[in-house]
């Protein structure tokens, strides 16, 4: 029987709680997803707001940290520009279309789509 991969991190289990170790099974990679073995992770003040649910949008368990550096450990079927072992850095942006004029100019953090 194949062992399910597990991710290891730290999470606030409820609003305002201290972080505790947290293990979870990752979702399957979608065609454009990249899996990263994280070596460095930044925590900023917005993470503290989310731990405390100051913006009333948090879901728990909440794993803070959204600025990371690591190495590619897996990739979806349509990812062609990265390979396992590549060192990558990821900012807080997610979900940019990567096709509009703004994204193509390198400003995907400002994507309106």
PDB file of N, CA and C in Angstrom:
ATOM      1  N   UNK A   1       0.834  -1.168   0.000  1.00  0.00           N
ATOM      2  CA  UNK A   1       0.000   0.000   0.000  1.00  0.00           C
ATOM      3  C   UNK A   1       0.891   1.247   0.000  1.00  0.00           C
ATOM      4  N   UNK A   2       0.524   2.251  -0.833  1.00  0.00           N
ATOM      5  CA  UNK A   2       1.304   3.475  -0.960  1.00  0.00           C
ATOM      6  C   UNK A   2       1.007   4.414   0.208  1.00  0.00           C
ATOM      7  N   UNK A   3       2.070   4.975   0.793  1.00  0.00           N
ATOM      8  CA  UNK A   3       1.909   5.925   1.904  1.00  0.00           C
ATOM      9  C   UNK A   3       1.498   7.290   1.349  1.00  0.00           C
ATOM     10  N   UNK A   4       0.540   7.924   1.989  1.00  0.00           N
ATOM     11  CA  UNK A   4       0.133   9.269   1.612  1.00  0.00           C
ATOM     12  C   UNK A   4       1.173  10.255   2.129  1.00  0.00           C
ATOM     13  N   UNK A   5       1.569  11.200   1.267  1.00  0.00           N
ATOM     14  CA  UNK A   5       2.510  12.241   1.684  1.00  0.00           C
ATOM     15  C   UNK A   5       1.840  13.121   2.734  1.00  0.00           C
ATOM     16  N   UNK A   6       2.629  13.621   3.646  1.00  0.00           N
ATOM     17  CA  UNK A   6       2.113  14.526   4.673  1.00  0.00           C
ATOM     18  C   UNK A   6       2.936  15.808   4.671  1.00  0.00           C
ATOM     19  N   UNK A   7       2.272  16.930   4.860  1.00  0.00           N
ATOM     20  CA  UNK A   7       2.935  18.207   5.032  1.00  0.00           C
ATOM     21  C   UNK A   7       2.996  18.494   6.526  1.00  0.00           C
ATOM     22  N   UNK A   8       4.066  19.163   6.927  1.00  0.00           N
ATOM     23  CA  UNK A   8       4.270  19.496   8.337  1.00  0.00           C
ATOM     24  C   UNK A   8       4.405  21.012   8.465  1.00  0.00           C
ATOM     25  N   UNK A   9       3.704  21.590   9.401  1.00  0.00           N
ATOM     26  CA  UNK A   9       3.770  23.028   9.591  1.00  0.00           C
ATOM     27  C   UNK A   9       3.336  23.404  10.990  1.00  0.00           C
ATOM     28  N   UNK A  10       3.003  24.676  11.141  1.00  0.00           N
ATOM     29  CA  UNK A  10       2.517  25.208  12.408  1.00  0.00           C
ATOM     30  C   UNK A  10       1.219  25.950  12.122  1.00  0.00           C
ATOM     31  N   UNK A  11       0.232  25.751  12.966  1.00  0.00           N
ATOM     32  CA  UNK A  11      -1.076  26.354  12.724  1.00  0.00           C
ATOM     33  C   UNK A  11      -1.696  26.873  14.012  1.00  0.00           C
ATOM     34  N   UNK A  12      -2.489  27.928  13.847  1.00  0.00           N
ATOM     35  CA  UNK A  12      -3.402  28.353  14.910  1.00  0.00           C
ATOM     36  C   UNK A  12      -4.658  27.515  14.715  1.00  0.00           C
ATOM     37  N   UNK A  13      -5.047  26.779  15.729  1.00  0.00           N
ATOM     38  CA  UNK A  13      -6.201  25.892  15.614  1.00  0.00           C
ATOM     39  C   UNK A  13      -7.522  26.636  15.819  1.00  0.00           C
ATOM     40  N   UNK A  14      -7.463  27.746  16.536  1.00  0.00           N
ATOM     41  CA  UNK A  14      -8.628  28.598  16.765  1.00  0.00           C
ATOM     42  C   UNK A  14      -8.161  30.045  16.843  1.00  0.00           C
ATOM     43  N   UNK A  15      -9.100  30.960  16.791  1.00  0.00           N
ATOM     44  CA  UNK A  15      -8.819  32.396  16.832  1.00  0.00           C
ATOM     45  C   UNK A  15      -7.914  32.744  18.013  1.00  0.00           C
ATOM     46  N   UNK A  16      -6.810  33.461  17.709  1.00  0.00           N
ATOM     47  CA  UNK A  16      -5.933  33.994  18.736  1.00  0.00           C
ATOM     48  C   UNK A  16      -5.035  32.996  19.433  1.00  0.00           C
ATOM     49  N   UNK A  17      -5.054  31.746  19.017  1.00  0.00           N
ATOM     50  CA  UNK A  17      -4.234  30.744  19.697  1.00  0.00           C
ATOM     51  C   UNK A  17      -2.789  30.771  19.227  1.00  0.00           C
ATOM     52  N   UNK A  18      -1.907  30.310  20.105  1.00  0.00           N
ATOM     53  CA  UNK A  18      -0.501  30.132  19.737  1.00  0.00           C
ATOM     54  C   UNK A  18      -0.407  29.036  18.682  1.00  0.00           C
ATOM     55  N   UNK A  19       0.636  29.112  17.868  1.00  0.00           N
ATOM     56  CA  UNK A  19       0.833  28.101  16.829  1.00  0.00           C
ATOM     57  C   UNK A  19       1.243  26.775  17.450  1.00  0.00           C
ATOM     58  N   UNK A  20       0.726  25.690  16.875  1.00  0.00           N
ATOM     59  CA  UNK A  20       1.075  24.333  17.297  1.00  0.00           C
ATOM     60  C   UNK A  20       1.476  23.544  16.064  1.00  0.00           C
ATOM     61  N   UNK A  21       2.256  22.485  16.260  1.00  0.00           N
ATOM     62  CA  UNK A  21       2.609  21.649  15.115  1.00  0.00           C
ATOM     63  C   UNK A  21       1.329  21.107  14.488  1.00  0.00           C
ATOM     64  N   UNK A  22       1.358  20.983  13.163  1.00  0.00           N
ATOM     65  CA  UNK A  22       0.167  20.601  12.411  1.00  0.00           C
ATOM     66  C   UNK A  22       0.601  19.800  11.192  1.00  0.00           C
ATOM     67  N   UNK A  23       0.081  18.601  11.050  1.00  0.00           N
ATOM     68  CA  UNK A  23       0.360  17.748   9.895  1.00  0.00           C
ATOM     69  C   UNK A  23      -0.928  17.584   9.095  1.00  0.00           C
ATOM     70  N   UNK A  24      -0.803  17.605   7.774  1.00  0.00           N
ATOM     71  CA  UNK A  24      -1.993  17.429   6.939  1.00  0.00           C
ATOM     72  C   UNK A  24      -1.602  16.819   5.598  1.00  0.00           C
ATOM     73  N   UNK A  25      -2.553  16.149   4.979  1.00  0.00           N
ATOM     74  CA  UNK A  25      -2.342  15.541   3.665  1.00  0.00           C
ATOM     75  C   UNK A  25      -2.600  16.598   2.594  1.00  0.00           C
ATOM     76  N   UNK A  26      -1.685  16.762   1.657  1.00  0.00           N
ATOM     77  CA  UNK A  26      -1.882  17.759   0.602  1.00  0.00           C
ATOM     78  C   UNK A  26      -2.927  17.291  -0.408  1.00  0.00           C
ATOM     79  N   UNK A  27      -3.543  18.252  -1.084  1.00  0.00           N
ATOM     80  CA  UNK A  27      -4.426  17.937  -2.203  1.00  0.00           C
ATOM     81  C   UNK A  27      -3.579  17.449  -3.375  1.00  0.00           C
ATOM     82  N   UNK A  28      -4.213  16.780  -4.330  1.00  0.00           N
ATOM     83  CA  UNK A  28      -3.508  16.406  -5.553  1.00  0.00           C
ATOM     84  C   UNK A  28      -3.134  17.678  -6.301  1.00  0.00           C
ATOM     85  N   UNK A  29      -1.996  17.636  -6.999  1.00  0.00           N
ATOM     86  CA  UNK A  29      -1.571  18.803  -7.763  1.00  0.00           C
ATOM     87  C   UNK A  29      -2.471  18.985  -8.977  1.00  0.00           C
ATOM     88  N   UNK A  30      -2.964  20.199  -9.165  1.00  0.00           N
ATOM     89  CA  UNK A  30      -3.704  20.554 -10.372  1.00  0.00           C
ATOM     90  C   UNK A  30      -2.687  20.749 -11.499  1.00  0.00           C
ATOM     91  N   UNK A  31      -3.132  20.803 -12.750  1.00  0.00           N
ATOM     92  CA  UNK A  31      -2.202  20.876 -13.884  1.00  0.00           C
ATOM     93  C   UNK A  31      -1.180  22.006 -13.823  1.00  0.00           C
ATOM     94  N   UNK A  32      -1.531  23.166 -13.240  1.00  0.00           N
ATOM     95  CA  UNK A  32      -0.596  24.297 -13.183  1.00  0.00           C
ATOM     96  C   UNK A  32      -0.011  24.512 -11.788  1.00  0.00           C
ATOM     97  N   UNK A  33      -0.235  23.585 -10.868  1.00  0.00           N
ATOM     98  CA  UNK A  33       0.294  23.710  -9.506  1.00  0.00           C
ATOM     99  C   UNK A  33       1.762  23.315  -9.432  1.00  0.00           C
ATOM    100  N   UNK A  34       2.464  23.922  -8.489  1.00  0.00           N
ATOM    101  CA  UNK A  34       3.855  23.575  -8.198  1.00  0.00           C
ATOM    102  C   UNK A  34       3.951  23.300  -6.701  1.00  0.00           C
ATOM    103  N   UNK A  35       4.534  22.168  -6.346  1.00  0.00           N
ATOM    104  CA  UNK A  35       4.757  21.830  -4.940  1.00  0.00           C
ATOM    105  C   UNK A  35       6.170  22.251  -4.568  1.00  0.00           C
ATOM    106  N   UNK A  36       6.306  22.915  -3.426  1.00  0.00           N
ATOM    107  CA  UNK A  36       7.593  23.454  -3.000  1.00  0.00           C
ATOM    108  C   UNK A  36       7.946  22.912  -1.621  1.00  0.00           C
ATOM    109  N   UNK A  37       9.150  22.360  -1.502  1.00  0.00           N
ATOM    110  CA  UNK A  37       9.691  21.984  -0.192  1.00  0.00           C
ATOM    111  C   UNK A  37      10.263  23.269   0.402  1.00  0.00           C
ATOM    112  N   UNK A  38       9.594  23.812   1.392  1.00  0.00           N
ATOM    113  CA  UNK A  38       9.926  25.130   1.932  1.00  0.00           C
ATOM    114  C   UNK A  38      11.156  25.051   2.831  1.00  0.00           C
ATOM    115  N   UNK A  39      12.120  25.946   2.556  1.00  0.00           N
ATOM    116  CA  UNK A  39      13.306  26.043   3.410  1.00  0.00           C
ATOM    117  C   UNK A  39      13.276  27.307   4.267  1.00  0.00           C
ATOM    118  N   UNK A  40      12.592  28.355   3.780  1.00  0.00           N
ATOM    119  CA  UNK A  40      12.494  29.624   4.499  1.00  0.00           C
ATOM    120  C   UNK A  40      11.088  30.183   4.306  1.00  0.00           C
ATOM    121  N   UNK A  41      10.530  30.752   5.374  1.00  0.00           N
ATOM    122  CA  UNK A  41       9.176  31.302   5.303  1.00  0.00           C
ATOM    123  C   UNK A  41       9.100  32.571   6.138  1.00  0.00           C
ATOM    124  N   UNK A  42       8.561  33.618   5.541  1.00  0.00           N
ATOM    125  CA  UNK A  42       8.384  34.866   6.264  1.00  0.00           C
ATOM    126  C   UNK A  42       6.998  34.961   6.867  1.00  0.00           C
ATOM    127  N   UNK A  43       6.930  35.508   8.054  1.00  0.00           N
ATOM    128  CA  UNK A  43       5.657  35.793   8.714  1.00  0.00           C
ATOM    129  C   UNK A  43       5.563  37.312   8.822  1.00  0.00           C
ATOM    130  N   UNK A  44       4.483  37.885   8.331  1.00  0.00           N
ATOM    131  CA  UNK A  44       4.337  39.340   8.428  1.00  0.00           C
ATOM    132  C   UNK A  44       3.110  39.677   9.266  1.00  0.00           C
ATOM    133  N   UNK A  45       2.885  40.956   9.452  1.00  0.00           N
ATOM    134  CA  UNK A  45       1.813  41.371  10.358  1.00  0.00           C
ATOM    135  C   UNK A  45       0.436  40.932   9.869  1.00  0.00           C
ATOM    136  N   UNK A  46       0.257  40.806   8.559  1.00  0.00           N
ATOM    137  CA  UNK A  46      -1.045  40.335   8.075  1.00  0.00           C
ATOM    138  C   UNK A  46      -1.338  38.922   8.580  1.00  0.00           C
ATOM    139  N   UNK A  47      -0.299  38.106   8.762  1.00  0.00           N
ATOM    140  CA  UNK A  47      -0.499  36.769   9.333  1.00  0.00           C
ATOM    141  C   UNK A  47      -1.052  36.866  10.754  1.00  0.00           C
ATOM    142  N   UNK A  48      -0.569  37.837  11.519  1.00  0.00           N
ATOM    143  CA  UNK A  48      -1.075  38.024  12.881  1.00  0.00           C
ATOM    144  C   UNK A  48      -2.553  38.415  12.868  1.00  0.00           C
ATOM    145  N   UNK A  49      -2.927  39.274  11.904  1.00  0.00           N
ATOM    146  CA  UNK A  49      -4.339  39.638  11.764  1.00  0.00           C
ATOM    147  C   UNK A  49      -5.185  38.410  11.441  1.00  0.00           C
ATOM    148  N   UNK A  50      -4.656  37.526  10.604  1.00  0.00           N
ATOM    149  CA  UNK A  50      -5.407  36.327  10.233  1.00  0.00           C
ATOM    150  C   UNK A  50      -5.473  35.320  11.377  1.00  0.00           C
ATOM    151  N   UNK A  51      -4.402  35.185  12.134  1.00  0.00           N
ATOM    152  CA  UNK A  51      -4.434  34.304  13.313  1.00  0.00           C
ATOM    153  C   UNK A  51      -5.530  34.768  14.272  1.00  0.00           C
ATOM    154  N   UNK A  52      -5.643  36.082  14.447  1.00  0.00           N
ATOM    155  CA  UNK A  52      -6.619  36.652  15.381  1.00  0.00           C
ATOM    156  C   UNK A  52      -7.991  36.897  14.746  1.00  0.00           C
ATOM    157  N   UNK A  53      -8.133  36.600  13.465  1.00  0.00           N
ATOM    158  CA  UNK A  53      -9.380  36.812  12.713  1.00  0.00           C
ATOM    159  C   UNK A  53      -9.851  38.262  12.773  1.00  0.00           C
ATOM    160  N   UNK A  54      -8.910  39.191  12.759  1.00  0.00           N
ATOM    161  CA  UNK A  54      -9.244  40.611  12.811  1.00  0.00           C
ATOM    162  C   UNK A  54     -10.074  41.061  11.611  1.00  0.00           C
ATOM    163  N   UNK A  55      -9.901  40.400  10.459  1.00  0.00           N
ATOM    164  CA  UNK A  55     -10.612  40.794   9.242  1.00  0.00           C
ATOM    165  C   UNK A  55     -11.853  39.940   9.004  1.00  0.00           C
ATOM    166  N   UNK A  56     -12.135  39.023   9.914  1.00  0.00           N
ATOM    167  CA  UNK A  56     -13.325  38.154   9.848  1.00  0.00           C
ATOM    168  C   UNK A  56     -13.371  37.312   8.572  1.00  0.00           C
ATOM    169  N   UNK A  57     -12.198  36.864   8.121  1.00  0.00           N
ATOM    170  CA  UNK A  57     -12.136  36.000   6.935  1.00  0.00           C
ATOM    171  C   UNK A  57     -11.346  34.721   7.200  1.00  0.00           C
ATOM    172  N   UNK A  58     -10.846  34.538   8.397  1.00  0.00           N
ATOM    173  CA  UNK A  58      -9.961  33.406   8.696  1.00  0.00           C
ATOM    174  C   UNK A  58     -10.740  32.104   8.790  1.00  0.00           C
ATOM    175  N   UNK A  59     -10.053  31.021   8.395  1.00  0.00           N
ATOM    176  CA  UNK A  59     -10.561  29.663   8.575  1.00  0.00           C
ATOM    177  C   UNK A  59      -9.486  28.888   9.318  1.00  0.00           C
ATOM    178  N   UNK A  60      -9.907  28.062  10.227  1.00  0.00           N
ATOM    179  CA  UNK A  60      -8.963  27.329  11.072  1.00  0.00           C
ATOM    180  C   UNK A  60      -9.076  25.843  10.804  1.00  0.00           C
ATOM    181  N   UNK A  61      -7.996  25.107  10.919  1.00  0.00           N
ATOM    182  CA  UNK A  61      -6.673  25.584  11.323  1.00  0.00           C
ATOM    183  C   UNK A  61      -6.087  26.521  10.264  1.00  0.00           C
ATOM    184  N   UNK A  62      -5.362  27.532  10.730  1.00  0.00           N
ATOM    185  CA  UNK A  62      -4.730  28.514   9.855  1.00  0.00           C
ATOM    186  C   UNK A  62      -3.218  28.373   9.948  1.00  0.00           C
ATOM    187  N   UNK A  63      -2.590  28.107   8.807  1.00  0.00           N
ATOM    188  CA  UNK A  63      -1.130  27.997   8.719  1.00  0.00           C
ATOM    189  C   UNK A  63      -0.605  29.316   8.167  1.00  0.00           C
ATOM    190  N   UNK A  64       0.058  30.134   8.991  1.00  0.00           N
ATOM    191  CA  UNK A  64       0.548  31.421   8.510  1.00  0.00           C
ATOM    192  C   UNK A  64       1.820  31.273   7.675  1.00  0.00           C
ATOM    193  N   UNK A  65       2.132  32.351   6.991  1.00  0.00           N
ATOM    194  CA  UNK A  65       3.348  32.393   6.176  1.00  0.00           C
ATOM    195  C   UNK A  65       2.995  32.304   4.714  1.00  0.00           C
ATOM    196  N   UNK A  66       3.267  33.351   3.976  1.00  0.00           N
ATOM    197  CA  UNK A  66       2.884  33.369   2.567  1.00  0.00           C
ATOM    198  C   UNK A  66       3.987  33.967   1.686  1.00  0.00           C
ATOM    199  N   UNK A  67       5.153  34.084   2.214  1.00  0.00           N
ATOM    200  CA  UNK A  67       6.328  34.516   1.452  1.00  0.00           C
ATOM    201  C   UNK A  67       7.393  33.469   1.716  1.00  0.00           C
ATOM    202  N   UNK A  68       7.675  32.648   0.692  1.00  0.00           N
ATOM    203  CA  UNK A  68       8.496  31.462   0.935  1.00  0.00           C
ATOM    204  C   UNK A  68       9.618  31.304  -0.077  1.00  0.00           C
ATOM    205  N   UNK A  69      10.622  30.554   0.334  1.00  0.00           N
ATOM    206  CA  UNK A  69      11.716  30.121  -0.536  1.00  0.00           C
ATOM    207  C   UNK A  69      11.876  28.626  -0.313  1.00  0.00           C
ATOM    208  N   UNK A  70      12.147  27.923  -1.382  1.00  0.00           N
ATOM    209  CA  UNK A  70      12.338  26.479  -1.273  1.00  0.00           C
ATOM    210  C   UNK A  70      12.739  25.884  -2.604  1.00  0.00           C
ATOM    211  N   UNK A  71      12.589  24.581  -2.715  1.00  0.00           N
ATOM    212  CA  UNK A  71      12.916  23.890  -3.960  1.00  0.00           C
ATOM    213  C   UNK A  71      11.679  23.166  -4.470  1.00  0.00           C
ATOM    214  N   UNK A  72      11.552  23.117  -5.783  1.00  0.00           N
ATOM    215  CA  UNK A  72      10.423  22.433  -6.411  1.00  0.00           C
ATOM    216  C   UNK A  72      10.520  20.947  -6.098  1.00  0.00           C
ATOM    217  N   UNK A  73       9.430  20.394  -5.552  1.00  0.00           N
ATOM    218  CA  UNK A  73       9.401  18.964  -5.237  1.00  0.00           C
ATOM    219  C   UNK A  73       8.352  18.219  -6.047  1.00  0.00           C
ATOM    220  N   UNK A  74       7.570  18.937  -6.820  1.00  0.00           N
ATOM    221  CA  UNK A  74       6.568  18.322  -7.684  1.00  0.00           C
ATOM    222  C   UNK A  74       5.915  19.391  -8.531  1.00  0.00           C
ATOM    223  N   UNK A  75       5.314  18.972  -9.639  1.00  0.00           N
ATOM    224  CA  UNK A  75       4.662  19.935 -10.522  1.00  0.00           C
ATOM    225  C   UNK A  75       3.527  19.260 -11.273  1.00  0.00           C
ATOM    226  N   UNK A  76       2.493  20.049 -11.564  1.00  0.00           N
ATOM    227  CA  UNK A  76       1.367  19.566 -12.344  1.00  0.00           C
ATOM    228  C   UNK A  76       1.767  19.296 -13.785  1.00  0.00           C
ATOM    229  N   UNK A  77       0.906  18.610 -14.496  1.00  0.00           N
ATOM    230  CA  UNK A  77       1.198  18.143 -15.852  1.00  0.00           C
ATOM    231  C   UNK A  77       1.474  19.263 -16.849  1.00  0.00           C
ATOM    232  N   UNK A  78       0.946  20.454 -16.639  1.00  0.00           N
ATOM    233  CA  UNK A  78       1.129  21.549 -17.596  1.00  0.00           C
ATOM    234  C   UNK A  78       2.262  22.502 -17.237  1.00  0.00           C
ATOM    235  N   UNK A  79       2.962  22.248 -16.155  1.00  0.00           N
ATOM    236  CA  UNK A  79       4.081  23.104 -15.749  1.00  0.00           C
ATOM    237  C   UNK A  79       5.307  22.697 -16.561  1.00  0.00           C
ATOM    238  N   UNK A  80       5.810  23.630 -17.373  1.00  0.00           N
ATOM    239  CA  UNK A  80       6.959  23.324 -18.230  1.00  0.00           C
ATOM    240  C   UNK A  80       8.179  24.182 -17.916  1.00  0.00           C
ATOM    241  N   UNK A  81       8.020  25.235 -17.143  1.00  0.00           N
ATOM    242  CA  UNK A  81       9.114  26.176 -16.903  1.00  0.00           C
ATOM    243  C   UNK A  81       9.892  25.887 -15.621  1.00  0.00           C
ATOM    244  N   UNK A  82       9.473  24.883 -14.863  1.00  0.00           N
ATOM    245  CA  UNK A  82      10.168  24.517 -13.627  1.00  0.00           C
ATOM    246  C   UNK A  82      10.356  23.014 -13.582  1.00  0.00           C
ATOM    247  N   UNK A  83      11.416  22.592 -12.874  1.00  0.00           N
ATOM    248  CA  UNK A  83      11.644  21.151 -12.723  1.00  0.00           C
ATOM    249  C   UNK A  83      12.016  20.857 -11.271  1.00  0.00           C
ATOM    250  N   UNK A  84      11.864  19.614 -10.886  1.00  0.00           N
ATOM    251  CA  UNK A  84      12.203  19.196  -9.532  1.00  0.00           C
ATOM    252  C   UNK A  84      13.632  19.611  -9.201  1.00  0.00           C
ATOM    253  N   UNK A  85      13.804  20.220  -8.044  1.00  0.00           N
ATOM    254  CA  UNK A  85      15.117  20.675  -7.600  1.00  0.00           C
ATOM    255  C   UNK A  85      15.381  22.145  -7.848  1.00  0.00           C
ATOM    256  N   UNK A  86      14.589  22.798  -8.730  1.00  0.00           N
ATOM    257  CA  UNK A  86      14.765  24.235  -8.961  1.00  0.00           C
ATOM    258  C   UNK A  86      14.486  25.001  -7.669  1.00  0.00           C
ATOM    259  N   UNK A  87      15.301  26.023  -7.406  1.00  0.00           N
ATOM    260  CA  UNK A  87      15.089  26.886  -6.237  1.00  0.00           C
ATOM    261  C   UNK A  87      14.124  27.989  -6.654  1.00  0.00           C
ATOM    262  N   UNK A  88      13.106  28.228  -5.835  1.00  0.00           N
ATOM    263  CA  UNK A  88      12.081  29.203  -6.182  1.00  0.00           C
ATOM    264  C   UNK A  88      11.749  30.082  -4.982  1.00  0.00           C
ATOM    265  N   UNK A  89      11.238  31.253  -5.278  1.00  0.00           N
ATOM    266  CA  UNK A  89      10.708  32.149  -4.268  1.00  0.00           C
ATOM    267  C   UNK A  89       9.286  32.509  -4.650  1.00  0.00           C
ATOM    268  N   UNK A  90       8.417  32.600  -3.669  1.00  0.00           N
ATOM    269  CA  UNK A  90       7.006  32.860  -3.936  1.00  0.00           C
ATOM    270  C   UNK A  90       6.538  33.975  -3.018  1.00  0.00           C
ATOM    271  N   UNK A  91       5.936  34.999  -3.609  1.00  0.00           N
ATOM    272  CA  UNK A  91       5.369  36.096  -2.842  1.00  0.00           C
ATOM    273  C   UNK A  91       3.946  35.788  -2.428  1.00  0.00           C
ATOM    274  N   UNK A  92       3.235  36.783  -1.979  1.00  0.00           N
ATOM    275  CA  UNK A  92       1.895  36.585  -1.443  1.00  0.00           C
ATOM    276  C   UNK A  92       0.826  36.499  -2.516  1.00  0.00           C
ATOM    277  N   UNK A  93       1.125  36.886  -3.734  1.00  0.00           N
ATOM    278  CA  UNK A  93       0.119  36.916  -4.779  1.00  0.00           C
ATOM    279  C   UNK A  93      -0.273  35.497  -5.202  1.00  0.00           C
ATOM    280  N   UNK A  94      -1.538  35.345  -5.555  1.00  0.00           N
ATOM    281  CA  UNK A  94      -2.011  34.053  -6.047  1.00  0.00           C
ATOM    282  C   UNK A  94      -3.189  34.294  -6.974  1.00  0.00           C
ATOM    283  N   UNK A  95      -3.245  33.526  -8.039  1.00  0.00           N
ATOM    284  CA  UNK A  95      -4.412  33.564  -8.893  1.00  0.00           C
ATOM    285  C   UNK A  95      -4.369  34.602  -9.998  1.00  0.00           C
ATOM    286  N   UNK A  96      -3.218  35.158 -10.319  1.00  0.00           N
ATOM    287  CA  UNK A  96      -3.128  36.085 -11.437  1.00  0.00           C
ATOM    288  C   UNK A  96      -3.395  35.332 -12.738  1.00  0.00           C
ATOM    289  N   UNK A  97      -4.005  36.010 -13.717  1.00  0.00           N
ATOM    290  CA  UNK A  97      -4.373  35.340 -14.968  1.00  0.00           C
ATOM    291  C   UNK A  97      -3.159  35.015 -15.838  1.00  0.00           C
ATOM    292  N   UNK A  98      -2.097  35.807 -15.715  1.00  0.00           N
ATOM    293  CA  UNK A  98      -0.848  35.640 -16.473  1.00  0.00           C
ATOM    294  C   UNK A  98      -1.010  35.854 -17.968  1.00  0.00           C
ATOM    295  N   UNK A  99      -2.152  36.421 -18.403  1.00  0.00           N
ATOM    296  CA  UNK A  99      -2.363  36.653 -19.835  1.00  0.00           C
ATOM    297  C   UNK A  99      -2.720  38.099 -20.165  1.00  0.00           C
ATOM    298  N   UNK A 100      -3.175  38.882 -19.190  1.00  0.00           N
ATOM    299  CA  UNK A 100      -3.564  40.265 -19.471  1.00  0.00           C
ATOM    300  C   UNK A 100      -2.316  41.142 -19.643  1.00  0.00           C
ATOM    301  N   UNK A 101      -2.547  42.353 -20.101  1.00  0.00           N
ATOM    302  CA  UNK A 101      -1.441  43.291 -20.333  1.00  0.00           C
ATOM    303  C   UNK A 101      -0.632  43.548 -19.059  1.00  0.00           C
ATOM    304  N   UNK A 102      -1.328  43.672 -17.933  1.00  0.00           N
ATOM    305  CA  UNK A 102      -0.656  43.928 -16.656  1.00  0.00           C
ATOM    306  C   UNK A 102       0.258  42.767 -16.279  1.00  0.00           C
ATOM    307  N   UNK A 103      -0.260  41.548 -16.376  1.00  0.00           N
ATOM    308  CA  UNK A 103       0.550  40.362 -16.044  1.00  0.00           C
ATOM    309  C   UNK A 103       1.734  40.223 -16.993  1.00  0.00           C
ATOM    310  N   UNK A 104       1.483  40.413 -18.279  1.00  0.00           N
ATOM    311  CA  UNK A 104       2.556  40.258 -19.264  1.00  0.00           C
ATOM    312  C   UNK A 104       3.644  41.311 -19.098  1.00  0.00           C
ATOM    313  N   UNK A 105       3.311  42.426 -18.452  1.00  0.00           N
ATOM    314  CA  UNK A 105       4.306  43.466 -18.172  1.00  0.00           C
ATOM    315  C   UNK A 105       5.093  43.150 -16.907  1.00  0.00           C
ATOM    316  N   UNK A 106       4.770  42.013 -16.259  1.00  0.00           N
ATOM    317  CA  UNK A 106       5.494  41.626 -15.049  1.00  0.00           C
ATOM    318  C   UNK A 106       4.861  42.130 -13.766  1.00  0.00           C
ATOM    319  N   UNK A 107       3.667  42.698 -13.882  1.00  0.00           N
ATOM    320  CA  UNK A 107       2.983  43.247 -12.712  1.00  0.00           C
ATOM    321  C   UNK A 107       1.810  42.364 -12.292  1.00  0.00           C
ATOM    322  N   UNK A 108       2.046  41.042 -12.209  1.00  0.00           N
ATOM    323  CA  UNK A 108       0.957  40.119 -11.878  1.00  0.00           C
ATOM    324  C   UNK A 108       0.356  40.393 -10.503  1.00  0.00           C
ATOM    325  N   UNK A 109       1.094  41.069  -9.633  1.00  0.00           N
ATOM    326  CA  UNK A 109       0.535  41.423  -8.321  1.00  0.00           C
ATOM    327  C   UNK A 109      -0.587  42.452  -8.440  1.00  0.00           C
ATOM    328  N   UNK A 110      -0.717  43.076  -9.602  1.00  0.00           N
ATOM    329  CA  UNK A 110      -1.762  44.075  -9.824  1.00  0.00           C
ATOM    330  C   UNK A 110      -2.868  43.569 -10.747  1.00  0.00           C
ATOM    331  N   UNK A 111      -2.878  42.284 -11.063  1.00  0.00           N
ATOM    332  CA  UNK A 111      -3.862  41.704 -11.981  1.00  0.00           C
ATOM    333  C   UNK A 111      -5.277  41.969 -11.482  1.00  0.00           C
ATOM    334  N   UNK A 112      -6.112  42.514 -12.361  1.00  0.00           N
ATOM    335  CA  UNK A 112      -7.503  42.803 -12.001  1.00  0.00           C
ATOM    336  C   UNK A 112      -8.417  41.613 -12.248  1.00  0.00           C
ATOM    337  N   UNK A 113      -7.906  40.615 -12.932  1.00  0.00           N
ATOM    338  CA  UNK A 113      -8.745  39.440 -13.226  1.00  0.00           C
ATOM    339  C   UNK A 113      -8.648  38.517 -12.074  1.00  0.00           C
TER     340      UNK A 113
END
